[in-house]
Amino acid sequence: MIKTVLYIFIGFLFVASGDGREANKAYNEGNYALADSLFRLALEEDPENAKLYFNLGNALAKQGKVEDAIEAYLNSQEYAKTDEDKALAQYNIGTILAENEDWKPAAHHFRNSLKLNPGDYEAKHNYELAAKKASDEENEQNQDQQNQDQEKEPPTEYAKAIKKRAEQLVAEQRYQEAFNLMESAAANDKTVQPNYNDFMERIKTVSTIDN
């Protein structure tokens, strides 16, 4: 059975530079905005320091700046010297995505972390949890779609007739005319779009290529 507790790792890596030390202090005191600024100052002096990028990512994550945090972690991974440090960057990306319930990409990054550090039990646990959540979410979406398909109103005789005429136009490679016909019908008959949307999208794509 997969446990439902998500392990969280938002620690920081030790850095020896002056601004880096001050940033770590601010981070530990919960002053994440100041830590953010100080880590950036330290990076101006040492722009390829993986640990500074990692710690910056943590400070950004604590402020809810998910996109910026992910960018910082990716920079950390790029400059990291060891697979373990690279794995930590991937792990923390997975963690903040999981906290936002973005399960599928979270599972992807936990798996990346495991590839770099196969012995990490917490990464394995989190990967299994995120993968299950992603699967459950996808199954639920598929079920919702099936329910919608079952509930949609069947096409009217008018809609069927227009579809048949559009298919004849397609057979003659008159794709733009076929799409225009379906689009016009959809504006006047609410059963056209739900029942024939895939057909309309297909001929629209072909007509665009032809043009």
N, C-alpha and C. Protein backbone atom coordinates (compact mmCIF):
# COMPACT_ATOMS: atom_id res chain seq x y z
N MET A 1 0.84 -1.20 0.00
CA MET A 1 0.00 0.00 0.00
C MET A 1 0.88 1.25 0.00
N ILE A 2 0.51 2.24 -0.80
CA ILE A 2 1.27 3.48 -0.87
C ILE A 2 0.82 4.42 0.24
N LYS A 3 1.76 4.86 1.05
CA LYS A 3 1.41 5.80 2.11
C LYS A 3 1.01 7.14 1.50
N THR A 4 0.14 7.86 2.19
CA THR A 4 -0.37 9.11 1.63
C THR A 4 0.31 10.34 2.20
N VAL A 5 1.40 10.15 2.93
CA VAL A 5 2.15 11.30 3.45
C VAL A 5 3.26 11.63 2.46
N LEU A 6 3.33 12.88 2.08
CA LEU A 6 4.36 13.31 1.14
C LEU A 6 5.56 13.82 1.92
N TYR A 7 6.71 13.22 1.68
CA TYR A 7 7.93 13.72 2.31
C TYR A 7 8.32 15.06 1.69
N ILE A 8 8.66 15.99 2.53
CA ILE A 8 9.03 17.32 2.06
C ILE A 8 10.52 17.56 2.32
N PHE A 9 11.22 18.02 1.31
CA PHE A 9 12.61 18.42 1.51
C PHE A 9 12.78 19.82 0.98
N ILE A 10 12.82 20.77 1.88
CA ILE A 10 13.13 22.14 1.49
C ILE A 10 14.23 22.63 2.43
N GLY A 11 15.35 21.94 2.42
CA GLY A 11 16.48 22.35 3.23
C GLY A 11 17.37 23.27 2.44
N PHE A 12 18.51 23.67 3.01
CA PHE A 12 19.43 24.46 2.21
C PHE A 12 20.82 23.85 2.31
N LEU A 13 21.63 24.12 1.31
CA LEU A 13 22.99 23.61 1.25
C LEU A 13 23.94 24.69 1.75
N PHE A 14 24.93 24.28 2.52
CA PHE A 14 25.87 25.24 3.12
C PHE A 14 26.70 25.93 2.05
N VAL A 15 26.80 27.25 2.17
CA VAL A 15 27.68 28.03 1.30
C VAL A 15 28.58 28.90 2.17
N ALA A 16 29.80 29.13 1.68
CA ALA A 16 30.80 29.79 2.52
C ALA A 16 30.93 31.28 2.28
N SER A 17 30.37 31.80 1.19
CA SER A 17 30.56 33.21 0.87
C SER A 17 29.81 34.10 1.84
N GLY A 18 30.23 35.38 1.94
CA GLY A 18 29.63 36.31 2.89
C GLY A 18 28.14 36.50 2.67
N ASP A 19 27.74 36.89 1.45
CA ASP A 19 26.32 37.09 1.17
C ASP A 19 25.55 35.78 1.31
N GLY A 20 26.20 34.68 0.93
CA GLY A 20 25.55 33.38 1.06
C GLY A 20 25.26 33.03 2.50
N ARG A 21 26.23 33.31 3.39
CA ARG A 21 26.03 33.03 4.82
C ARG A 21 24.90 33.90 5.38
N GLU A 22 24.90 35.18 4.99
CA GLU A 22 23.84 36.08 5.46
C GLU A 22 22.48 35.64 4.92
N ALA A 23 22.47 35.15 3.69
CA ALA A 23 21.22 34.67 3.09
C ALA A 23 20.71 33.44 3.84
N ASN A 24 21.63 32.53 4.18
CA ASN A 24 21.24 31.35 4.95
C ASN A 24 20.65 31.74 6.30
N LYS A 25 21.26 32.75 6.92
CA LYS A 25 20.76 33.22 8.22
C LYS A 25 19.35 33.79 8.07
N ALA A 26 19.15 34.61 7.04
CA ALA A 26 17.82 35.19 6.80
C ALA A 26 16.80 34.09 6.53
N TYR A 27 17.22 33.09 5.78
CA TYR A 27 16.32 31.97 5.46
C TYR A 27 15.91 31.24 6.74
N ASN A 28 16.89 30.95 7.59
CA ASN A 28 16.60 30.23 8.83
C ASN A 28 15.70 31.03 9.77
N GLU A 29 15.76 32.35 9.65
CA GLU A 29 14.92 33.21 10.47
C GLU A 29 13.54 33.43 9.85
N GLY A 30 13.31 32.82 8.69
CA GLY A 30 12.01 32.93 8.03
C GLY A 30 11.85 34.18 7.20
N ASN A 31 12.94 34.92 6.99
CA ASN A 31 12.88 36.14 6.17
C ASN A 31 13.25 35.75 4.74
N TYR A 32 12.30 35.15 4.04
CA TYR A 32 12.60 34.55 2.74
C TYR A 32 12.83 35.59 1.64
N ALA A 33 12.16 36.73 1.74
CA ALA A 33 12.37 37.78 0.74
C ALA A 33 13.80 38.32 0.83
N LEU A 34 14.28 38.53 2.06
CA LEU A 34 15.66 39.01 2.24
C LEU A 34 16.64 37.94 1.78
N ALA A 35 16.37 36.69 2.13
CA ALA A 35 17.24 35.59 1.70
C ALA A 35 17.31 35.54 0.17
N ASP A 36 16.17 35.71 -0.46
CA ASP A 36 16.08 35.75 -1.93
C ASP A 36 17.06 36.81 -2.47
N SER A 37 16.97 38.02 -1.94
CA SER A 37 17.83 39.12 -2.42
C SER A 37 19.30 38.83 -2.18
N LEU A 38 19.62 38.28 -1.01
CA LEU A 38 21.02 38.02 -0.67
C LEU A 38 21.60 36.87 -1.49
N PHE A 39 20.81 35.86 -1.76
CA PHE A 39 21.30 34.78 -2.62
C PHE A 39 21.59 35.31 -4.03
N ARG A 40 20.75 36.23 -4.50
CA ARG A 40 20.99 36.81 -5.83
C ARG A 40 22.27 37.64 -5.84
N LEU A 41 22.51 38.38 -4.75
CA LEU A 41 23.76 39.14 -4.65
C LEU A 41 24.97 38.21 -4.68
N ALA A 42 24.86 37.11 -3.95
CA ALA A 42 25.96 36.14 -3.91
C ALA A 42 26.19 35.54 -5.30
N LEU A 43 25.12 35.33 -6.05
CA LEU A 43 25.24 34.76 -7.39
C LEU A 43 25.90 35.72 -8.37
N GLU A 44 25.78 37.02 -8.11
CA GLU A 44 26.47 37.98 -8.97
C GLU A 44 27.98 37.80 -8.86
N GLU A 45 28.44 37.39 -7.68
CA GLU A 45 29.87 37.16 -7.47
C GLU A 45 30.30 35.75 -7.91
N ASP A 46 29.35 34.83 -7.86
CA ASP A 46 29.67 33.43 -8.16
C ASP A 46 28.52 32.82 -8.97
N PRO A 47 28.42 33.19 -10.25
CA PRO A 47 27.22 32.87 -11.05
C PRO A 47 27.05 31.40 -11.43
N GLU A 48 28.01 30.56 -11.11
CA GLU A 48 27.88 29.14 -11.44
C GLU A 48 27.89 28.27 -10.19
N ASN A 49 27.46 28.86 -9.08
CA ASN A 49 27.45 28.14 -7.81
C ASN A 49 26.12 27.39 -7.66
N ALA A 50 26.17 26.08 -7.79
CA ALA A 50 24.96 25.26 -7.75
C ALA A 50 24.23 25.38 -6.42
N LYS A 51 24.99 25.46 -5.32
CA LYS A 51 24.36 25.52 -3.99
C LYS A 51 23.61 26.83 -3.80
N LEU A 52 24.16 27.92 -4.33
CA LEU A 52 23.46 29.20 -4.23
C LEU A 52 22.15 29.16 -5.00
N TYR A 53 22.17 28.57 -6.18
CA TYR A 53 20.93 28.46 -6.96
C TYR A 53 19.91 27.58 -6.23
N PHE A 54 20.41 26.50 -5.62
CA PHE A 54 19.52 25.60 -4.89
C PHE A 54 18.86 26.33 -3.73
N ASN A 55 19.66 27.07 -2.97
CA ASN A 55 19.12 27.80 -1.82
C ASN A 55 18.18 28.92 -2.27
N LEU A 56 18.51 29.56 -3.39
CA LEU A 56 17.61 30.58 -3.94
C LEU A 56 16.27 29.94 -4.29
N GLY A 57 16.32 28.75 -4.89
CA GLY A 57 15.09 28.04 -5.21
C GLY A 57 14.24 27.80 -3.97
N ASN A 58 14.89 27.43 -2.86
CA ASN A 58 14.16 27.21 -1.61
C ASN A 58 13.49 28.49 -1.12
N ALA A 59 14.24 29.60 -1.18
CA ALA A 59 13.68 30.88 -0.73
C ALA A 59 12.50 31.29 -1.60
N LEU A 60 12.61 31.06 -2.89
CA LEU A 60 11.52 31.39 -3.81
C LEU A 60 10.31 30.49 -3.56
N ALA A 61 10.58 29.20 -3.34
CA ALA A 61 9.49 28.26 -3.07
C ALA A 61 8.73 28.65 -1.81
N LYS A 62 9.45 29.08 -0.79
CA LYS A 62 8.81 29.49 0.47
C LYS A 62 7.93 30.72 0.27
N GLN A 63 8.23 31.51 -0.78
CA GLN A 63 7.40 32.69 -1.08
C GLN A 63 6.27 32.36 -2.05
N GLY A 64 6.18 31.10 -2.45
CA GLY A 64 5.13 30.70 -3.38
C GLY A 64 5.42 31.04 -4.82
N LYS A 65 6.68 31.37 -5.13
CA LYS A 65 7.06 31.72 -6.51
C LYS A 65 7.53 30.46 -7.23
N VAL A 66 6.56 29.65 -7.61
CA VAL A 66 6.85 28.31 -8.12
C VAL A 66 7.68 28.34 -9.40
N GLU A 67 7.27 29.16 -10.36
CA GLU A 67 7.97 29.20 -11.65
C GLU A 67 9.43 29.61 -11.47
N ASP A 68 9.66 30.66 -10.67
CA ASP A 68 11.03 31.13 -10.43
C ASP A 68 11.84 30.10 -9.66
N ALA A 69 11.19 29.42 -8.72
CA ALA A 69 11.88 28.40 -7.94
C ALA A 69 12.34 27.26 -8.84
N ILE A 70 11.47 26.82 -9.73
CA ILE A 70 11.83 25.73 -10.65
C ILE A 70 13.02 26.14 -11.51
N GLU A 71 13.00 27.38 -11.99
CA GLU A 71 14.13 27.87 -12.80
C GLU A 71 15.43 27.83 -12.00
N ALA A 72 15.36 28.24 -10.73
CA ALA A 72 16.56 28.23 -9.88
C ALA A 72 17.06 26.80 -9.66
N TYR A 73 16.15 25.87 -9.42
CA TYR A 73 16.55 24.47 -9.23
C TYR A 73 17.19 23.89 -10.49
N LEU A 74 16.64 24.25 -11.64
CA LEU A 74 17.22 23.76 -12.90
C LEU A 74 18.63 24.32 -13.10
N ASN A 75 18.82 25.57 -12.72
CA ASN A 75 20.17 26.15 -12.77
C ASN A 75 21.10 25.43 -11.80
N SER A 76 20.57 25.10 -10.63
CA SER A 76 21.36 24.36 -9.64
C SER A 76 21.81 23.02 -10.21
N GLN A 77 20.89 22.33 -10.85
CA GLN A 77 21.23 21.03 -11.44
C GLN A 77 22.29 21.18 -12.53
N GLU A 78 22.16 22.23 -13.32
CA GLU A 78 23.11 22.43 -14.42
C GLU A 78 24.54 22.57 -13.91
N TYR A 79 24.70 23.27 -12.78
CA TYR A 79 26.05 23.53 -12.27
C TYR A 79 26.50 22.55 -11.19
N ALA A 80 25.62 21.66 -10.76
CA ALA A 80 25.96 20.71 -9.70
C ALA A 80 27.06 19.77 -10.16
N LYS A 81 27.94 19.42 -9.23
CA LYS A 81 29.08 18.57 -9.56
C LYS A 81 28.79 17.08 -9.31
N THR A 82 27.82 16.79 -8.47
CA THR A 82 27.55 15.39 -8.13
C THR A 82 26.11 15.02 -8.50
N ASP A 83 25.90 13.73 -8.72
CA ASP A 83 24.55 13.25 -9.01
C ASP A 83 23.61 13.47 -7.82
N GLU A 84 24.15 13.39 -6.61
CA GLU A 84 23.32 13.60 -5.43
C GLU A 84 22.76 15.02 -5.39
N ASP A 85 23.62 16.00 -5.69
CA ASP A 85 23.14 17.39 -5.71
C ASP A 85 22.16 17.62 -6.85
N LYS A 86 22.41 16.98 -7.99
CA LYS A 86 21.47 17.09 -9.11
C LYS A 86 20.13 16.47 -8.74
N ALA A 87 20.20 15.35 -8.02
CA ALA A 87 18.97 14.67 -7.59
C ALA A 87 18.16 15.55 -6.64
N LEU A 88 18.85 16.28 -5.75
CA LEU A 88 18.15 17.16 -4.81
C LEU A 88 17.36 18.23 -5.55
N ALA A 89 17.95 18.77 -6.62
CA ALA A 89 17.25 19.80 -7.40
C ALA A 89 15.97 19.22 -8.02
N GLN A 90 16.09 18.02 -8.60
CA GLN A 90 14.92 17.37 -9.19
C GLN A 90 13.88 17.03 -8.11
N TYR A 91 14.36 16.61 -6.96
CA TYR A 91 13.46 16.26 -5.85
C TYR A 91 12.64 17.47 -5.41
N ASN A 92 13.31 18.61 -5.26
CA ASN A 92 12.58 19.78 -4.79
C ASN A 92 11.62 20.32 -5.84
N ILE A 93 11.96 20.17 -7.12
CA ILE A 93 10.99 20.53 -8.16
C ILE A 93 9.76 19.65 -8.02
N GLY A 94 9.98 18.35 -7.85
CA GLY A 94 8.85 17.44 -7.65
C GLY A 94 8.02 17.82 -6.44
N THR A 95 8.69 18.22 -5.37
CA THR A 95 8.00 18.56 -4.13
C THR A 95 7.08 19.76 -4.29
N ILE A 96 7.60 20.84 -4.88
CA ILE A 96 6.75 22.03 -4.99
C ILE A 96 5.62 21.80 -6.00
N LEU A 97 5.85 20.97 -7.01
CA LEU A 97 4.77 20.64 -7.94
C LEU A 97 3.70 19.80 -7.23
N ALA A 98 4.15 18.86 -6.39
CA ALA A 98 3.20 18.04 -5.64
C ALA A 98 2.39 18.88 -4.66
N GLU A 99 3.05 19.87 -4.05
CA GLU A 99 2.33 20.75 -3.12
C GLU A 99 1.23 21.52 -3.84
N ASN A 100 1.43 21.74 -5.15
CA ASN A 100 0.42 22.43 -5.96
C ASN A 100 -0.51 21.44 -6.68
N GLU A 101 -0.37 20.15 -6.33
CA GLU A 101 -1.19 19.07 -6.89
C GLU A 101 -1.05 18.96 -8.41
N ASP A 102 0.14 19.30 -8.92
CA ASP A 102 0.47 19.04 -10.32
C ASP A 102 1.14 17.67 -10.37
N TRP A 103 0.33 16.63 -10.26
CA TRP A 103 0.84 15.30 -9.95
C TRP A 103 1.68 14.69 -11.07
N LYS A 104 1.26 14.84 -12.30
CA LYS A 104 1.99 14.18 -13.39
C LYS A 104 3.40 14.73 -13.55
N PRO A 105 3.59 16.06 -13.65
CA PRO A 105 4.97 16.56 -13.72
C PRO A 105 5.74 16.31 -12.43
N ALA A 106 5.05 16.30 -11.29
CA ALA A 106 5.73 16.00 -10.02
C ALA A 106 6.31 14.59 -10.06
N ALA A 107 5.52 13.63 -10.54
CA ALA A 107 6.00 12.25 -10.65
C ALA A 107 7.21 12.17 -11.57
N HIS A 108 7.17 12.93 -12.66
CA HIS A 108 8.28 12.96 -13.62
C HIS A 108 9.57 13.40 -12.94
N HIS A 109 9.50 14.44 -12.12
CA HIS A 109 10.72 14.96 -11.50
C HIS A 109 11.19 14.09 -10.33
N PHE A 110 10.26 13.47 -9.61
CA PHE A 110 10.69 12.52 -8.59
C PHE A 110 11.39 11.33 -9.24
N ARG A 111 10.90 10.92 -10.39
CA ARG A 111 11.54 9.80 -11.10
C ARG A 111 12.94 10.21 -11.56
N ASN A 112 13.06 11.45 -12.06
CA ASN A 112 14.38 11.93 -12.46
C ASN A 112 15.34 11.92 -11.27
N SER A 113 14.83 12.32 -10.10
CA SER A 113 15.65 12.31 -8.89
C SER A 113 16.11 10.90 -8.56
N LEU A 114 15.20 9.94 -8.70
CA LEU A 114 15.54 8.54 -8.42
C LEU A 114 16.59 8.00 -9.38
N LYS A 115 16.52 8.41 -10.63
CA LYS A 115 17.51 7.96 -11.61
C LYS A 115 18.91 8.42 -11.21
N LEU A 116 18.98 9.62 -10.64
CA LEU A 116 20.26 10.17 -10.23
C LEU A 116 20.73 9.62 -8.89
N ASN A 117 19.76 9.27 -8.04
CA ASN A 117 20.09 8.75 -6.71
C ASN A 117 19.13 7.61 -6.38
N PRO A 118 19.37 6.42 -6.94
CA PRO A 118 18.43 5.30 -6.82
C PRO A 118 18.15 4.85 -5.39
N GLY A 119 19.04 5.16 -4.46
CA GLY A 119 18.85 4.71 -3.09
C GLY A 119 18.02 5.63 -2.23
N ASP A 120 17.48 6.69 -2.80
CA ASP A 120 16.73 7.67 -2.02
C ASP A 120 15.31 7.14 -1.76
N TYR A 121 15.07 6.67 -0.54
CA TYR A 121 13.77 6.08 -0.20
C TYR A 121 12.65 7.12 -0.31
N GLU A 122 12.91 8.34 0.15
CA GLU A 122 11.85 9.35 0.14
C GLU A 122 11.46 9.73 -1.28
N ALA A 123 12.45 9.80 -2.18
CA ALA A 123 12.13 10.08 -3.59
C ALA A 123 11.29 8.95 -4.17
N LYS A 124 11.63 7.72 -3.81
CA LYS A 124 10.86 6.57 -4.29
C LYS A 124 9.42 6.63 -3.78
N HIS A 125 9.28 6.91 -2.50
CA HIS A 125 7.94 7.02 -1.91
C HIS A 125 7.13 8.12 -2.61
N ASN A 126 7.76 9.28 -2.79
CA ASN A 126 7.05 10.41 -3.39
C ASN A 126 6.70 10.13 -4.85
N TYR A 127 7.61 9.45 -5.55
CA TYR A 127 7.31 9.09 -6.95
C TYR A 127 6.08 8.19 -7.01
N GLU A 128 6.04 7.18 -6.15
CA GLU A 128 4.91 6.25 -6.15
C GLU A 128 3.61 6.97 -5.82
N LEU A 129 3.67 7.88 -4.84
CA LEU A 129 2.48 8.62 -4.45
C LEU A 129 2.01 9.54 -5.57
N ALA A 130 2.94 10.31 -6.14
CA ALA A 130 2.58 11.26 -7.20
C ALA A 130 2.07 10.53 -8.43
N ALA A 131 2.70 9.40 -8.77
CA ALA A 131 2.26 8.62 -9.93
C ALA A 131 0.85 8.08 -9.73
N LYS A 132 0.55 7.63 -8.51
CA LYS A 132 -0.80 7.14 -8.22
C LYS A 132 -1.82 8.27 -8.29
N LYS A 133 -1.46 9.42 -7.73
CA LYS A 133 -2.36 10.58 -7.78
C LYS A 133 -2.62 10.99 -9.23
N ALA A 134 -1.56 10.99 -10.04
CA ALA A 134 -1.70 11.36 -11.45
C ALA A 134 -2.60 10.38 -12.18
N SER A 135 -2.42 9.08 -11.88
CA SER A 135 -3.25 8.05 -12.51
C SER A 135 -4.71 8.20 -12.10
N ASP A 136 -4.95 8.43 -10.81
CA ASP A 136 -6.32 8.61 -10.32
C ASP A 136 -6.97 9.82 -10.97
N GLU A 137 -6.19 10.89 -11.10
CA GLU A 137 -6.70 12.13 -11.70
C GLU A 137 -7.07 11.90 -13.16
N GLU A 138 -6.20 11.18 -13.88
CA GLU A 138 -6.46 10.90 -15.29
C GLU A 138 -7.69 10.01 -15.46
N ASN A 139 -7.82 9.01 -14.58
CA ASN A 139 -8.99 8.13 -14.64
C ASN A 139 -10.28 8.91 -14.37
N GLU A 140 -10.21 9.83 -13.43
CA GLU A 140 -11.38 10.65 -13.10
C GLU A 140 -11.77 11.54 -14.28
N GLN A 141 -10.75 12.12 -14.93
CA GLN A 141 -11.03 12.97 -16.10
C GLN A 141 -11.63 12.15 -17.23
N ASN A 142 -11.10 10.93 -17.43
CA ASN A 142 -11.64 10.06 -18.48
C ASN A 142 -13.09 9.68 -18.19
N GLN A 143 -13.38 9.43 -16.90
CA GLN A 143 -14.74 9.08 -16.52
C GLN A 143 -15.68 10.25 -16.73
N ASP A 144 -15.21 11.45 -16.39
CA ASP A 144 -16.03 12.65 -16.60
C ASP A 144 -16.33 12.84 -18.08
N GLN A 145 -15.31 12.58 -18.92
CA GLN A 145 -15.50 12.73 -20.36
C GLN A 145 -16.50 11.70 -20.88
N GLN A 146 -16.39 10.47 -20.37
CA GLN A 146 -17.34 9.43 -20.78
C GLN A 146 -18.76 9.81 -20.37
N ASN A 147 -18.90 10.36 -19.17
CA ASN A 147 -20.22 10.78 -18.70
C ASN A 147 -20.79 11.89 -19.58
N GLN A 148 -19.91 12.83 -19.96
CA GLN A 148 -20.35 13.92 -20.83
C GLN A 148 -20.78 13.39 -22.19
N ASP A 149 -20.00 12.42 -22.70
CA ASP A 149 -20.32 11.84 -24.01
C ASP A 149 -21.67 11.13 -23.96
N GLN A 150 -21.93 10.46 -22.83
CA GLN A 150 -23.20 9.74 -22.70
C GLN A 150 -24.38 10.70 -22.56
N GLU A 151 -24.12 11.85 -21.95
CA GLU A 151 -25.20 12.80 -21.68
C GLU A 151 -25.49 13.74 -22.84
N LYS A 152 -24.57 13.84 -23.80
CA LYS A 152 -24.77 14.83 -24.86
C LYS A 152 -25.96 14.45 -25.75
N GLU A 153 -26.63 15.45 -26.23
CA GLU A 153 -27.82 15.27 -27.05
C GLU A 153 -27.43 14.70 -28.41
N PRO A 154 -28.13 13.70 -28.90
CA PRO A 154 -27.79 13.13 -30.22
C PRO A 154 -28.02 14.15 -31.32
N PRO A 155 -27.35 13.98 -32.47
CA PRO A 155 -27.50 14.95 -33.55
C PRO A 155 -28.91 14.95 -34.14
N THR A 156 -29.37 16.13 -34.51
CA THR A 156 -30.67 16.24 -35.17
C THR A 156 -30.55 15.73 -36.61
N GLU A 157 -31.70 15.56 -37.25
CA GLU A 157 -31.69 15.14 -38.65
C GLU A 157 -30.98 16.18 -39.52
N TYR A 158 -31.16 17.44 -39.15
CA TYR A 158 -30.47 18.52 -39.88
C TYR A 158 -28.96 18.36 -39.74
N ALA A 159 -28.50 18.13 -38.50
CA ALA A 159 -27.06 17.97 -38.26
C ALA A 159 -26.50 16.80 -39.05
N LYS A 160 -27.25 15.69 -39.07
CA LYS A 160 -26.80 14.51 -39.83
C LYS A 160 -26.69 14.82 -41.32
N ALA A 161 -27.66 15.57 -41.83
CA ALA A 161 -27.66 15.89 -43.25
C ALA A 161 -26.48 16.78 -43.61
N ILE A 162 -26.20 17.76 -42.75
CA ILE A 162 -25.07 18.67 -43.00
C ILE A 162 -23.76 17.89 -42.93
N LYS A 163 -23.64 17.00 -41.96
CA LYS A 163 -22.43 16.19 -41.83
C LYS A 163 -22.23 15.34 -43.09
N LYS A 164 -23.30 14.76 -43.59
CA LYS A 164 -23.20 13.93 -44.79
C LYS A 164 -22.73 14.74 -45.98
N ARG A 165 -23.27 15.97 -46.10
CA ARG A 165 -22.85 16.84 -47.21
C ARG A 165 -21.38 17.24 -47.04
N ALA A 166 -20.97 17.52 -45.82
CA ALA A 166 -19.58 17.89 -45.57
C ALA A 166 -18.64 16.74 -45.93
N GLU A 167 -19.06 15.52 -45.63
CA GLU A 167 -18.24 14.35 -45.98
C GLU A 167 -18.09 14.22 -47.50
N GLN A 168 -19.14 14.57 -48.23
CA GLN A 168 -19.06 14.54 -49.69
C GLN A 168 -18.05 15.57 -50.19
N LEU A 169 -18.06 16.75 -49.57
CA LEU A 169 -17.10 17.79 -49.95
C LEU A 169 -15.67 17.36 -49.63
N VAL A 170 -15.51 16.69 -48.51
CA VAL A 170 -14.18 16.19 -48.14
C VAL A 170 -13.71 15.16 -49.16
N ALA A 171 -14.61 14.29 -49.60
CA ALA A 171 -14.25 13.29 -50.60
C ALA A 171 -13.78 13.94 -51.89
N GLU A 172 -14.28 15.16 -52.15
CA GLU A 172 -13.87 15.92 -53.33
C GLU A 172 -12.69 16.84 -53.03
N GLN A 173 -12.13 16.69 -51.80
CA GLN A 173 -10.99 17.49 -51.33
C GLN A 173 -11.32 18.98 -51.25
N ARG A 174 -12.56 19.28 -50.97
CA ARG A 174 -13.00 20.68 -50.80
C ARG A 174 -13.14 20.94 -49.29
N TYR A 175 -11.99 20.90 -48.64
CA TYR A 175 -11.96 20.91 -47.18
C TYR A 175 -12.45 22.23 -46.58
N GLN A 176 -12.06 23.34 -47.17
CA GLN A 176 -12.47 24.62 -46.62
C GLN A 176 -13.98 24.79 -46.70
N GLU A 177 -14.56 24.38 -47.82
CA GLU A 177 -16.02 24.46 -47.97
C GLU A 177 -16.71 23.56 -46.95
N ALA A 178 -16.13 22.38 -46.74
CA ALA A 178 -16.71 21.45 -45.77
C ALA A 178 -16.68 22.04 -44.37
N PHE A 179 -15.56 22.65 -44.02
CA PHE A 179 -15.45 23.24 -42.68
C PHE A 179 -16.41 24.42 -42.53
N ASN A 180 -16.48 25.28 -43.54
CA ASN A 180 -17.39 26.43 -43.48
C ASN A 180 -18.84 25.97 -43.31
N LEU A 181 -19.19 24.89 -44.01
CA LEU A 181 -20.55 24.36 -43.91
C LEU A 181 -20.84 23.87 -42.49
N MET A 182 -19.89 23.13 -41.91
CA MET A 182 -20.08 22.61 -40.56
C MET A 182 -20.10 23.74 -39.53
N GLU A 183 -19.25 24.72 -39.72
CA GLU A 183 -19.18 25.84 -38.79
C GLU A 183 -20.48 26.63 -38.80
N SER A 184 -21.02 26.84 -39.99
CA SER A 184 -22.29 27.55 -40.12
C SER A 184 -23.41 26.77 -39.46
N ALA A 185 -23.41 25.46 -39.67
CA ALA A 185 -24.44 24.61 -39.07
C ALA A 185 -24.33 24.62 -37.55
N ALA A 186 -23.10 24.62 -37.04
CA ALA A 186 -22.89 24.61 -35.59
C ALA A 186 -23.44 25.87 -34.94
N ALA A 187 -23.43 26.97 -35.69
CA ALA A 187 -23.95 28.23 -35.15
C ALA A 187 -25.47 28.21 -35.04
N ASN A 188 -26.10 27.30 -35.77
CA ASN A 188 -27.56 27.26 -35.80
C ASN A 188 -28.17 26.01 -35.17
N ASP A 189 -27.32 25.02 -34.90
CA ASP A 189 -27.82 23.76 -34.34
C ASP A 189 -26.86 23.32 -33.24
N LYS A 190 -27.33 23.30 -32.01
CA LYS A 190 -26.47 23.03 -30.86
C LYS A 190 -25.96 21.59 -30.81
N THR A 191 -26.51 20.70 -31.63
CA THR A 191 -26.06 19.30 -31.59
C THR A 191 -24.89 19.04 -32.53
N VAL A 192 -24.55 20.01 -33.37
CA VAL A 192 -23.48 19.79 -34.36
C VAL A 192 -22.11 19.70 -33.69
N GLN A 193 -21.76 20.71 -32.92
CA GLN A 193 -20.41 20.77 -32.33
C GLN A 193 -20.11 19.60 -31.40
N PRO A 194 -21.00 19.27 -30.44
CA PRO A 194 -20.67 18.16 -29.53
C PRO A 194 -20.50 16.82 -30.23
N ASN A 195 -21.27 16.58 -31.28
CA ASN A 195 -21.24 15.28 -31.94
C ASN A 195 -20.18 15.17 -33.03
N TYR A 196 -19.84 16.29 -33.64
CA TYR A 196 -18.94 16.24 -34.80
C TYR A 196 -17.69 17.10 -34.62
N ASN A 197 -17.35 17.39 -33.39
CA ASN A 197 -16.21 18.28 -33.15
C ASN A 197 -14.90 17.71 -33.72
N ASP A 198 -14.66 16.41 -33.52
CA ASP A 198 -13.43 15.80 -34.03
C ASP A 198 -13.34 15.92 -35.55
N PHE A 199 -14.45 15.67 -36.21
CA PHE A 199 -14.50 15.79 -37.67
C PHE A 199 -14.21 17.22 -38.10
N MET A 200 -14.80 18.19 -37.40
CA MET A 200 -14.59 19.59 -37.74
C MET A 200 -13.14 20.01 -37.53
N GLU A 201 -12.54 19.56 -36.43
CA GLU A 201 -11.14 19.90 -36.16
C GLU A 201 -10.23 19.30 -37.22
N ARG A 202 -10.55 18.09 -37.65
CA ARG A 202 -9.71 17.40 -38.64
C ARG A 202 -9.74 18.14 -39.98
N ILE A 203 -10.93 18.50 -40.45
CA ILE A 203 -11.00 19.17 -41.75
C ILE A 203 -10.49 20.60 -41.66
N LYS A 204 -10.61 21.20 -40.48
CA LYS A 204 -10.06 22.54 -40.29
C LYS A 204 -8.54 22.50 -40.44
N THR A 205 -7.93 21.49 -39.83
CA THR A 205 -6.47 21.35 -39.92
C THR A 205 -6.02 21.15 -41.36
N VAL A 206 -6.72 20.28 -42.08
CA VAL A 206 -6.36 20.01 -43.47
C VAL A 206 -6.56 21.24 -44.33
N SER A 207 -7.65 21.97 -44.10
CA SER A 207 -7.91 23.17 -44.90
C SER A 207 -6.85 24.22 -44.66
N THR A 208 -6.35 24.30 -43.43
CA THR A 208 -5.28 25.26 -43.12
C THR A 208 -4.00 24.90 -43.85
N ILE A 209 -3.70 23.60 -43.91
CA ILE A 209 -2.51 23.14 -44.63
C ILE A 209 -2.64 23.45 -46.12
N ASP A 210 -3.83 23.20 -46.66
CA ASP A 210 -4.04 23.44 -48.09
C ASP A 210 -3.87 24.90 -48.45
N ASN A 211 -4.25 25.77 -47.50
CA ASN A 211 -4.14 27.21 -47.77
C ASN A 211 -2.72 27.71 -47.58
